[in-house]
Amino acid sequence: MKRVFLIVLDSFGIGEMEDAAEYNDKGTNTLKSVSSSSYFHMPNMGQLGLFNLDGVDCGEKAAEPAARIARMKEASKGKDTTIGHWEIAGIISKKPLPVYPNGFPEDLLGKFSELTGRGILCNKPYSGTEVIKDYGDEHVRSGKLIVYTSADSVFQIAAHEDIVPVETLYEYCRIARELLQGEHGVGRVIARPFIGESGNYTRTPRRHDFSLKPPAVTMLNQLSEAGKSVISVGKIYDIFAGEGITEFTYTKGNEEGIEKTLEYMDKDFEGLCFVNLVDYDMLYGHRNDIDGYAKALSYFDAKLPEIYAKLRDDDILMITADHGCDPGYTVSTDHSREHTPFIMYGKNVVPGNLGTRDTFSDIGVTILDYFGIKPKFEGKSMLG
């Protein structure tokens, strides 16, 4: 019974790509910034070969890496969660998803307001914590929705749970998702509920993402069509709009994501368990919190022996990322255009350094290859 556990350390980039300057990301290196923290401690990832990857000039290199490793290059145009995960699963996006540095068009918001029966506040790029601080009072008084975006391809709606019940907020997001297609097809519409009183508003864990459906076949579709299990842990289900996924569970953060993964390792299934650990990006990268990022990585590293202990003979563990979000890059708090790591470990995996790969899609091809399925997208297997 073959199983693959693919864990995405969200935003764990390992150094700028050649075209980083085109994205205003020249000089970014998430791994190097985080490794400067006194809280950074990743001996297990180091033994697997993290510091042996092309271009990595921090940490102690392993004399003989225990894993099969590669530095991944993103072939898609973009540096966000959706495009990164889609490429891992086989979709190379020739055009970036639309972004709105000056806010959304008034005619679009007019249609949205008409359909929801509510007015609009903000309509500009904003920090999620700052936007409720600045617009929360007016929202509570008027009932108008706080609509904002970021450097990513997102349409975010913040609303107080006492003013707009969460299920109603989700329905407003579904309305927005229907509107935001074609040229305005943002990667994600995100519900951002919050609670509290003036001066003390806080976001709740009932965030929900409504993603654009993948425009082509992915490894998830091919696996499920072949009768394999495709289990989603964290926000994977939302990123792929549920396409090709046979079972899913949401999580409130990295620790729960790791625990859910360990639980699935005790279960019998043949197929893929696809995990996203989002805290690196959401809590630390975007907030320039180097120490917080380092602590979260060190926690994951400390859990690796427990993960190893549950690996069966035919299991493969894969660890990668979807983009960068350098917490040491003070020019911006946005995602960064970086290479990502790929680490593949298991009893039957032959260790070795495969250098730099041309596309994240090689990961999807490798997984399909392991299950004897011919991919319907470009990429090369790293199975060996």
Protein backbone atom coordinates (compact mmCIF):
# COMPACT_ATOMS: atom_id res chain seq x y z
CA MET A 1 0.00 0.00 0.00
CA LYS A 2 1.74 3.14 -1.26
CA ARG A 3 1.30 6.48 0.50
CA VAL A 4 2.84 9.91 -0.11
CA PHE A 5 2.82 12.64 2.53
CA LEU A 6 3.46 15.98 0.82
CA ILE A 7 3.99 18.79 3.33
CA VAL A 8 4.12 22.40 2.15
CA LEU A 9 5.91 24.76 4.54
CA ASP A 10 3.99 27.79 3.34
CA SER A 11 6.37 30.55 2.18
CA PHE A 12 9.63 28.77 3.09
CA GLY A 13 11.73 30.11 0.22
CA ILE A 14 15.47 29.44 -0.01
CA GLY A 15 16.73 32.38 -2.06
CA GLU A 16 15.74 34.74 -4.84
CA MET A 17 15.00 33.48 -8.34
CA GLU A 18 16.76 34.91 -11.37
CA ASP A 19 13.79 37.13 -12.19
CA ALA A 20 13.24 38.36 -8.62
CA ALA A 21 13.95 41.97 -9.60
CA GLU A 22 10.89 41.92 -11.87
CA TYR A 23 8.82 41.30 -8.74
CA ASN A 24 10.69 43.88 -6.62
CA ASP A 25 12.22 41.02 -4.64
CA LYS A 26 15.92 41.39 -5.37
CA GLY A 27 17.96 40.08 -2.45
CA THR A 28 15.20 38.11 -0.74
CA ASN A 29 16.09 34.87 1.03
CA THR A 30 13.62 33.55 3.59
CA LEU A 31 15.85 30.71 4.83
CA LYS A 32 18.88 32.94 5.30
CA SER A 33 16.90 35.60 7.17
CA VAL A 34 15.31 33.06 9.48
CA SER A 35 18.60 31.25 10.10
CA SER A 36 19.95 34.47 11.65
CA SER A 37 17.64 33.99 14.63
CA SER A 38 18.95 32.43 17.81
CA TYR A 39 15.74 30.36 17.83
CA PHE A 40 16.53 28.69 14.51
CA HIS A 41 17.38 25.02 15.02
CA MET A 42 16.80 22.51 12.21
CA PRO A 43 19.23 19.60 12.65
CA ASN A 44 16.84 17.02 11.22
CA MET A 45 16.15 19.01 8.07
CA GLY A 46 19.89 19.61 7.88
CA GLN A 47 20.58 15.89 7.94
CA LEU A 48 18.01 15.38 5.19
CA GLY A 49 19.99 17.87 3.07
CA LEU A 50 18.33 21.28 3.46
CA PHE A 51 21.66 23.11 3.64
CA ASN A 52 23.11 21.11 0.73
CA LEU A 53 20.62 22.56 -1.76
CA ASP A 54 21.91 24.69 -4.63
CA GLY A 55 22.47 28.29 -3.60
CA VAL A 56 22.05 27.72 0.14
CA ASP A 57 24.91 29.37 2.01
CA CYS A 58 23.78 29.05 5.61
CA GLY A 59 23.59 26.14 8.03
CA GLU A 60 25.80 23.10 8.32
CA LYS A 61 25.87 20.87 5.24
CA ALA A 62 25.35 17.15 5.76
CA ALA A 63 28.30 14.96 4.79
CA GLU A 64 25.82 12.52 3.25
CA PRO A 65 22.24 13.85 2.95
CA ALA A 66 19.67 11.24 3.95
CA ALA A 67 17.13 12.41 1.39
CA ARG A 68 16.73 13.01 -2.32
CA ILE A 69 16.85 16.80 -2.66
CA ALA A 70 16.42 19.54 -5.25
CA ARG A 71 16.07 23.29 -5.52
CA MET A 72 12.79 24.10 -7.26
CA LYS A 73 12.29 26.93 -9.74
CA GLU A 74 8.82 28.36 -10.35
CA ALA A 75 7.90 28.37 -14.03
CA SER A 76 4.62 30.21 -13.48
CA LYS A 77 4.27 33.97 -13.46
CA GLY A 78 3.51 34.90 -9.90
CA LYS A 79 4.49 34.35 -6.30
CA ASP A 80 1.30 33.56 -4.46
CA THR A 81 -0.24 30.61 -2.69
CA THR A 82 -2.66 29.62 -5.43
CA ILE A 83 -0.20 29.70 -8.32
CA GLY A 84 2.49 27.97 -6.26
CA HIS A 85 0.27 25.08 -5.19
CA TRP A 86 -1.28 24.77 -8.63
CA GLU A 87 2.18 24.42 -10.15
CA ILE A 88 3.17 21.76 -7.60
CA ALA A 89 0.09 19.87 -8.83
CA GLY A 90 0.86 20.37 -12.51
CA ILE A 91 -0.55 23.72 -13.70
CA ILE A 92 1.97 26.24 -15.01
CA SER A 93 0.33 29.68 -15.11
CA LYS A 94 1.56 31.71 -18.07
CA LYS A 95 -0.07 34.89 -16.72
CA PRO A 96 -0.18 36.07 -13.13
CA LEU A 97 -3.55 36.24 -11.45
CA PRO A 98 -4.93 39.82 -11.35
CA VAL A 99 -3.98 42.13 -8.48
CA TYR A 100 -5.51 45.45 -7.50
CA PRO A 101 -2.98 47.88 -6.01
CA ASN A 102 -5.47 50.72 -6.49
CA GLY A 103 -8.56 48.83 -5.35
CA PHE A 104 -11.30 47.10 -7.32
CA PRO A 105 -13.23 48.77 -10.15
CA GLU A 106 -16.27 50.73 -8.99
CA ASP A 107 -18.62 48.99 -11.43
CA LEU A 108 -17.59 45.61 -10.02
CA LEU A 109 -18.15 46.75 -6.45
CA GLY A 110 -21.45 48.30 -7.48
CA LYS A 111 -22.71 44.92 -8.69
CA PHE A 112 -21.47 43.26 -5.52
CA SER A 113 -23.15 45.87 -3.33
CA GLU A 114 -26.41 45.49 -5.24
CA LEU A 115 -26.39 41.71 -4.82
CA THR A 116 -25.56 41.79 -1.11
CA GLY A 117 -27.62 44.84 -0.22
CA ARG A 118 -24.70 46.30 1.70
CA GLY A 119 -22.36 49.23 1.12
CA ILE A 120 -18.58 48.99 0.84
CA LEU A 121 -15.76 50.39 2.99
CA CYS A 122 -12.02 50.68 2.29
CA ASN A 123 -11.40 49.10 -1.16
CA LYS A 124 -7.62 49.29 -1.10
CA PRO A 125 -4.64 47.09 -0.17
CA TYR A 126 -4.46 46.78 3.60
CA SER A 127 -3.10 44.74 6.48
CA GLY A 128 -5.81 42.43 7.78
CA THR A 129 -5.25 43.45 11.38
CA GLU A 130 -5.00 47.17 10.61
CA VAL A 131 -8.08 47.27 8.39
CA ILE A 132 -10.42 46.19 11.19
CA LYS A 133 -8.73 48.64 13.52
CA ASP A 134 -9.27 51.53 11.06
CA TYR A 135 -12.67 50.59 9.63
CA GLY A 136 -14.20 48.37 12.32
CA ASP A 137 -16.15 51.10 14.08
CA GLU A 138 -17.69 52.43 10.88
CA HIS A 139 -18.59 48.89 9.82
CA VAL A 140 -20.33 48.25 13.14
CA ARG A 141 -22.27 51.53 12.87
CA SER A 142 -23.28 51.24 9.22
CA GLY A 143 -23.29 47.52 8.44
CA LYS A 144 -21.17 48.19 5.36
CA LEU A 145 -18.70 45.45 4.40
CA ILE A 146 -14.95 46.02 4.70
CA VAL A 147 -13.56 45.01 1.31
CA TYR A 148 -9.80 45.06 0.85
CA THR A 149 -6.97 43.36 -1.00
CA SER A 150 -3.20 42.90 -0.71
CA ALA A 151 -0.24 42.35 -2.99
CA ASP A 152 -1.75 38.91 -3.65
CA SER A 153 -4.62 38.12 -5.98
CA VAL A 154 -7.30 38.28 -3.29
CA PHE A 155 -10.69 39.89 -2.61
CA GLN A 156 -11.11 39.95 1.17
CA ILE A 157 -14.28 40.73 3.09
CA ALA A 158 -14.06 41.54 6.80
CA ALA A 159 -17.19 41.67 8.93
CA HIS A 160 -18.00 41.58 12.65
CA GLU A 161 -19.75 38.35 13.59
CA ASP A 162 -22.42 40.29 15.52
CA ILE A 163 -23.20 42.45 12.48
CA VAL A 164 -22.88 39.83 9.74
CA PRO A 165 -23.30 36.20 10.86
CA VAL A 166 -20.48 34.01 9.58
CA GLU A 167 -22.71 31.93 7.29
CA THR A 168 -24.04 35.15 5.74
CA LEU A 169 -20.47 36.37 5.24
CA TYR A 170 -19.69 33.09 3.49
CA GLU A 171 -22.68 33.61 1.22
CA TYR A 172 -21.43 37.11 0.34
CA CYS A 173 -18.09 35.52 -0.54
CA ARG A 174 -19.83 33.04 -2.84
CA ILE A 175 -21.53 35.97 -4.56
CA ALA A 176 -18.17 37.69 -4.99
CA ARG A 177 -16.64 34.46 -6.28
CA GLU A 178 -19.29 34.26 -9.01
CA LEU A 179 -18.59 37.87 -10.01
CA LEU A 180 -14.81 37.53 -9.96
CA GLN A 181 -14.23 35.46 -13.07
CA GLY A 182 -12.43 36.06 -16.36
CA GLU A 183 -10.32 39.22 -16.30
CA HIS A 184 -11.21 39.74 -12.65
CA GLY A 185 -10.64 36.10 -11.69
CA VAL A 186 -8.68 36.61 -8.48
CA GLY A 187 -7.10 33.56 -6.94
CA ARG A 188 -9.08 33.71 -3.71
CA VAL A 189 -12.09 35.41 -2.17
CA ILE A 190 -11.50 35.34 1.58
CA ALA A 191 -13.98 35.68 4.44
CA ARG A 192 -12.35 37.49 7.37
CA PRO A 193 -14.76 37.45 10.34
CA PHE A 194 -13.80 39.34 13.49
CA ILE A 195 -15.15 39.96 16.99
CA GLY A 196 -14.62 42.38 19.87
CA GLU A 197 -15.31 45.98 20.66
CA SER A 198 -13.93 49.32 19.50
CA GLY A 199 -10.19 49.44 20.06
CA ASN A 200 -10.01 45.70 20.61
CA TYR A 201 -11.17 43.95 17.45
CA THR A 202 -9.63 40.53 16.75
CA ARG A 203 -9.95 38.16 13.81
CA THR A 204 -11.50 34.77 14.49
CA PRO A 205 -10.28 31.38 13.20
CA ARG A 206 -13.42 31.07 11.02
CA ARG A 207 -11.66 32.50 7.98
CA HIS A 208 -12.66 30.70 4.81
CA ASP A 209 -11.17 30.85 1.30
CA PHE A 210 -13.21 30.57 -1.88
CA SER A 211 -10.73 29.77 -4.61
CA LEU A 212 -10.80 29.97 -8.35
CA LYS A 213 -11.21 26.50 -9.80
CA PRO A 214 -8.01 25.14 -11.35
CA PRO A 215 -8.14 25.76 -15.11
CA ALA A 216 -6.66 22.38 -16.09
CA VAL A 217 -6.16 18.83 -14.87
CA THR A 218 -3.93 18.36 -11.82
CA MET A 219 -2.25 15.42 -10.15
CA LEU A 220 -5.13 15.50 -7.64
CA ASN A 221 -7.64 14.84 -10.43
CA GLN A 222 -5.51 12.06 -11.87
CA LEU A 223 -4.97 10.37 -8.52
CA SER A 224 -8.64 10.43 -7.52
CA GLU A 225 -9.75 9.30 -10.98
CA ALA A 226 -7.38 6.34 -10.61
CA GLY A 227 -9.14 5.38 -7.38
CA LYS A 228 -6.46 6.71 -5.03
CA SER A 229 -7.18 8.69 -1.87
CA VAL A 230 -6.39 12.41 -1.99
CA ILE A 231 -6.49 13.73 1.57
CA SER A 232 -6.22 17.45 2.26
CA VAL A 233 -4.94 18.85 5.57
CA GLY A 234 -5.21 22.61 6.13
CA LYS A 235 -6.15 24.99 3.33
CA ILE A 236 -5.33 22.64 0.43
CA TYR A 237 -9.04 21.96 -0.14
CA ASP A 238 -9.72 25.67 -0.54
CA ILE A 239 -6.73 26.29 -2.83
CA PHE A 240 -8.02 23.70 -5.29
CA ALA A 241 -11.71 24.51 -4.74
CA GLY A 242 -12.13 20.87 -3.72
CA GLU A 243 -11.20 19.58 -7.20
CA GLY A 244 -9.78 16.04 -7.07
CA ILE A 245 -9.87 15.81 -3.26
CA THR A 246 -11.54 12.80 -1.66
CA GLU A 247 -11.25 13.74 2.02
CA PHE A 248 -10.32 16.94 3.84
CA THR A 249 -9.83 18.46 7.25
CA TYR A 250 -9.24 22.10 8.17
CA THR A 251 -6.74 23.17 10.81
CA LYS A 252 -6.26 26.20 13.04
CA GLY A 253 -2.49 26.35 12.66
CA ASN A 254 0.76 24.47 12.22
CA GLU A 255 0.62 22.42 15.40
CA GLU A 256 -2.83 21.05 14.59
CA GLY A 257 -1.75 20.48 10.98
CA ILE A 258 1.19 18.36 12.13
CA GLU A 259 -0.99 16.42 14.58
CA LYS A 260 -3.61 15.72 11.90
CA THR A 261 -0.85 14.48 9.60
CA LEU A 262 0.43 12.13 12.30
CA GLU A 263 -3.12 10.82 12.75
CA TYR A 264 -3.43 10.11 9.04
CA MET A 265 -0.12 8.26 9.14
CA ASP A 266 -1.81 5.72 11.42
CA LYS A 267 -4.61 5.12 8.89
CA ASP A 268 -4.73 2.69 5.99
CA PHE A 269 -5.12 4.33 2.57
CA GLU A 270 -3.39 4.32 -0.77
CA GLY A 271 -2.70 7.71 -2.23
CA LEU A 272 -1.68 11.21 -1.22
CA CYS A 273 -1.95 13.18 2.02
CA PHE A 274 -1.38 16.82 0.97
CA VAL A 275 -0.62 19.16 3.90
CA ASN A 276 -0.28 22.94 4.14
CA LEU A 277 1.32 24.50 7.23
CA VAL A 278 0.29 28.13 6.89
CA ASP A 279 1.66 29.85 9.99
CA TYR A 280 5.09 30.57 8.49
CA ASP A 281 3.44 32.82 5.93
CA MET A 282 0.37 34.14 7.71
CA LEU A 283 1.74 34.78 11.19
CA TYR A 284 5.42 35.44 10.64
CA GLY A 285 6.50 36.18 7.07
CA HIS A 286 3.96 38.92 6.42
CA ARG A 287 4.70 40.46 9.82
CA ASN A 288 8.51 40.51 9.46
CA ASP A 289 8.72 38.30 12.54
CA ILE A 290 12.06 36.52 12.11
CA ASP A 291 12.10 34.93 15.56
CA GLY A 292 8.50 33.72 15.29
CA TYR A 293 9.25 32.16 11.90
CA ALA A 294 12.39 30.51 13.31
CA LYS A 295 10.53 29.07 16.30
CA ALA A 296 7.83 27.61 14.03
CA LEU A 297 10.39 25.98 11.76
CA SER A 298 12.28 24.59 14.74
CA TYR A 299 9.05 23.12 16.08
CA PHE A 300 8.42 21.34 12.77
CA ASP A 301 11.99 20.05 12.74
CA ALA A 302 11.60 18.67 16.25
CA LYS A 303 8.50 16.74 15.14
CA LEU A 304 10.29 15.04 12.24
CA PRO A 305 11.53 12.02 14.28
CA GLU A 306 7.91 11.37 15.25
CA ILE A 307 6.93 11.56 11.57
CA TYR A 308 9.80 9.24 10.59
CA ALA A 309 8.65 6.69 13.16
CA LYS A 310 5.26 6.40 11.50
CA LEU A 311 6.56 5.99 7.94
CA ARG A 312 5.82 2.54 6.54
CA ASP A 313 8.10 0.73 4.12
CA ASP A 314 6.29 1.99 1.00
CA ASP A 315 5.70 5.52 2.27
CA ILE A 316 7.36 8.64 0.88
CA LEU A 317 7.68 11.90 2.78
CA MET A 318 8.02 15.06 0.68
CA ILE A 319 8.69 18.54 2.07
CA THR A 320 8.53 21.67 -0.08
CA ALA A 321 7.18 25.25 -0.23
CA ASP A 322 4.99 27.34 -2.54
CA HIS A 323 6.86 30.69 -2.62
CA GLY A 324 8.90 32.87 -0.27
CA CYS A 325 7.92 35.49 2.32
CA ASP A 326 11.21 36.82 3.64
CA PRO A 327 10.62 38.21 7.16
CA GLY A 328 13.94 40.03 6.97
CA TYR A 329 13.04 41.96 3.82
CA THR A 330 11.90 45.26 5.28
CA VAL A 331 11.16 46.83 1.88
CA SER A 332 7.94 44.85 1.80
CA THR A 333 5.81 42.40 3.79
CA ASP A 334 4.60 40.70 0.61
CA HIS A 335 5.45 37.26 -0.72
CA SER A 336 8.85 36.98 -2.36
CA ARG A 337 9.85 35.41 -5.67
CA GLU A 338 12.17 32.66 -4.43
CA HIS A 339 13.31 29.14 -5.15
CA THR A 340 11.82 26.50 -2.87
CA PRO A 341 13.26 23.33 -1.33
CA PHE A 342 12.27 19.82 -2.25
CA ILE A 343 13.15 16.99 0.11
CA MET A 344 12.03 13.41 -0.51
CA TYR A 345 12.64 10.75 2.11
CA GLY A 346 11.65 7.13 2.60
CA LYS A 347 12.99 3.61 2.96
CA ASN A 348 13.01 3.06 -0.81
CA VAL A 349 14.11 6.58 -1.80
CA VAL A 350 17.69 6.78 -3.05
CA PRO A 351 19.40 9.86 -1.56
CA GLY A 352 21.04 12.35 -3.89
CA ASN A 353 21.15 15.98 -4.98
CA LEU A 354 19.22 16.61 -8.20
CA GLY A 355 20.40 20.22 -8.51
CA THR A 356 17.93 22.86 -9.66
CA ARG A 357 14.68 21.83 -11.37
CA ASP A 358 12.83 23.86 -13.99
CA THR A 359 9.35 23.72 -12.47
CA PHE A 360 7.44 22.87 -9.30
CA SER A 361 5.41 20.52 -11.53
CA ASP A 362 8.19 17.95 -11.24
CA ILE A 363 6.71 17.23 -7.80
CA GLY A 364 3.32 16.32 -9.24
CA VAL A 365 4.92 14.19 -11.95
CA THR A 366 7.02 12.38 -9.32
CA ILE A 367 3.95 11.53 -7.24
CA LEU A 368 2.04 10.23 -10.25
CA ASP A 369 5.09 8.23 -11.32
CA TYR A 370 5.19 6.55 -7.93
CA PHE A 371 1.62 5.35 -8.46
CA GLY A 372 2.26 4.31 -12.05
CA ILE A 373 0.07 7.06 -13.54
CA LYS A 374 1.11 8.91 -16.69
CA PRO A 375 0.88 12.67 -16.10
CA LYS A 376 -1.29 14.87 -18.32
CA PHE A 377 0.97 17.89 -17.76
CA GLU A 378 4.60 18.79 -18.27
CA GLY A 379 7.37 17.98 -15.83
CA LYS A 380 9.97 15.32 -15.07
CA SER A 381 9.94 12.67 -12.39
CA MET A 382 12.50 12.85 -9.61
CA LEU A 383 11.80 9.33 -8.42
CA GLY A 384 14.93 7.74 -9.84
